[in-house]
C-alpha atoms as a PDB file:
ATOM      1  CA  UNK A   1       0.000   0.000   0.000  1.00  0.00           C
ATOM      2  CA  UNK A   2       1.567   3.269  -1.038  1.00  0.00           C
ATOM      3  CA  UNK A   3       1.007   6.545   0.758  1.00  0.00           C
ATOM      4  CA  UNK A   4      -1.158   8.334  -1.819  1.00  0.00           C
ATOM      5  CA  UNK A   5      -3.645   9.463   0.829  1.00  0.00           C
ATOM      6  CA  UNK A   6      -1.546  12.212   2.393  1.00  0.00           C
ATOM      7  CA  UNK A   7      -4.494  13.957   4.038  1.00  0.00           C
ATOM      8  CA  UNK A   8      -6.611  11.728   6.317  1.00  0.00           C
ATOM      9  CA  UNK A   9      -9.618  14.087   6.277  1.00  0.00           C
ATOM     10  CA  UNK A  10     -11.092  12.830   2.969  1.00  0.00           C
ATOM     11  CA  UNK A  11     -10.718   9.255   4.213  1.00  0.00           C
ATOM     12  CA  UNK A  12     -12.554  10.085   7.446  1.00  0.00           C
ATOM     13  CA  UNK A  13     -15.258  11.919   5.495  1.00  0.00           C
ATOM     14  CA  UNK A  14     -15.779   8.953   3.170  1.00  0.00           C
ATOM     15  CA  UNK A  15     -16.008   6.582   6.126  1.00  0.00           C
ATOM     16  CA  UNK A  16     -18.543   8.826   7.867  1.00  0.00           C
ATOM     17  CA  UNK A  17     -20.671   9.013   4.720  1.00  0.00           C
ATOM     18  CA  UNK A  18     -20.806   5.218   4.462  1.00  0.00           C
ATOM     19  CA  UNK A  19     -20.988   4.451   8.225  1.00  0.00           C
ATOM     20  CA  UNK A  20     -17.509   2.907   8.283  1.00  0.00           C
ATOM     21  CA  UNK A  21     -16.036   4.806  11.252  1.00  0.00           C
ATOM     22  CA  UNK A  22     -15.760   1.626  13.324  1.00  0.00           C
ATOM     23  CA  UNK A  23     -14.054  -0.252  10.496  1.00  0.00           C
ATOM     24  CA  UNK A  24     -11.563   2.611  10.147  1.00  0.00           C
ATOM     25  CA  UNK A  25     -10.772   2.436  13.876  1.00  0.00           C
ATOM     26  CA  UNK A  26     -10.389  -1.360  13.905  1.00  0.00           C
ATOM     27  CA  UNK A  27      -8.665  -1.871  10.538  1.00  0.00           C
ATOM     28  CA  UNK A  28      -7.085   1.431   9.420  1.00  0.00           C
ATOM     29  CA  UNK A  29      -4.652  -0.153   6.942  1.00  0.00           C
ATOM     30  CA  UNK A  30      -7.348  -2.299   5.331  1.00  0.00           C
ATOM     31  CA  UNK A  31      -9.737   0.621   4.915  1.00  0.00           C
ATOM     32  CA  UNK A  32      -6.985   2.862   3.518  1.00  0.00           C
ATOM     33  CA  UNK A  33      -6.030   0.150   1.019  1.00  0.00           C
ATOM     34  CA  UNK A  34      -9.645  -0.309  -0.033  1.00  0.00           C
ATOM     35  CA  UNK A  35     -10.078   3.430  -0.541  1.00  0.00           C
ATOM     36  CA  UNK A  36      -6.912   3.580  -2.657  1.00  0.00           C
ATOM     37  CA  UNK A  37      -8.126   0.715  -4.844  1.00  0.00           C
ATOM     38  CA  UNK A  38     -11.598   2.223  -5.113  1.00  0.00           C
ATOM     39  CA  UNK A  39     -10.315   5.624  -6.226  1.00  0.00           C
ATOM     40  CA  UNK A  40      -8.245   4.223  -9.092  1.00  0.00           C
ATOM     41  CA  UNK A  41      -9.900   4.186 -12.534  1.00  0.00           C
ATOM     42  CA  UNK A  42     -11.059   0.788 -13.740  1.00  0.00           C
ATOM     43  CA  UNK A  43      -9.645   1.253 -17.196  1.00  0.00           C
ATOM     44  CA  UNK A  44      -8.954   3.677 -19.999  1.00  0.00           C
ATOM     45  CA  UNK A  45     -11.726   5.776 -21.503  1.00  0.00           C
ATOM     46  CA  UNK A  46     -12.917   4.950 -25.012  1.00  0.00           C
ATOM     47  CA  UNK A  47     -11.028   6.769 -27.772  1.00  0.00           C
ATOM     48  CA  UNK A  48     -12.177  10.326 -28.386  1.00  0.00           C
ATOM     49  CA  UNK A  49     -13.227  11.086 -24.803  1.00  0.00           C
ATOM     50  CA  UNK A  50     -11.506  13.751 -22.785  1.00  0.00           C
ATOM     51  CA  UNK A  51     -10.033  12.588 -19.458  1.00  0.00           C
ATOM     52  CA  UNK A  52     -12.061  15.341 -17.782  1.00  0.00           C
ATOM     53  CA  UNK A  53     -15.386  13.700 -18.596  1.00  0.00           C
ATOM     54  CA  UNK A  54     -16.896  10.293 -18.045  1.00  0.00           C
ATOM     55  CA  UNK A  55     -19.792   8.598 -19.812  1.00  0.00           C
ATOM     56  CA  UNK A  56     -23.125   9.530 -18.265  1.00  0.00           C
ATOM     57  CA  UNK A  57     -25.343   6.714 -17.023  1.00  0.00           C
ATOM     58  CA  UNK A  58     -28.352   6.021 -19.211  1.00  0.00           C
ATOM     59  CA  UNK A  59     -31.708   6.685 -17.586  1.00  0.00           C
ATOM     60  CA  UNK A  60     -34.622   4.776 -19.044  1.00  0.00           C
ATOM     61  CA  UNK A  61     -37.928   5.869 -17.445  1.00  0.00           C
ATOM     62  CA  UNK A  62     -39.796   3.051 -19.212  1.00  0.00           C
ATOM     63  CA  UNK A  63     -37.956   0.627 -16.973  1.00  0.00           C
ATOM     64  CA  UNK A  64     -39.932   1.952 -13.988  1.00  0.00           C
ATOM     65  CA  UNK A  65     -43.350   1.737 -15.621  1.00  0.00           C
ATOM     66  CA  UNK A  66     -45.403  -1.308 -14.764  1.00  0.00           C
ATOM     67  CA  UNK A  67     -46.772  -3.431 -17.593  1.00  0.00           C
ATOM     68  CA  UNK A  68     -50.526  -3.156 -18.107  1.00  0.00           C
END
């Protein structure tokens, strides 16, 4: 595990948002490692996309309509 998380405040904020304060207290190295892995991109963007954008999720309202 490298030391890419220099500032612990974002880590604490993320843990508070997801109710993981206890896990951070009990397993600080494991939580830090998980956060580092989770913040890394999964892969490269498709060709032609700027690195400043990401593909928007597709919302299909018909999926929520019940069949008649």
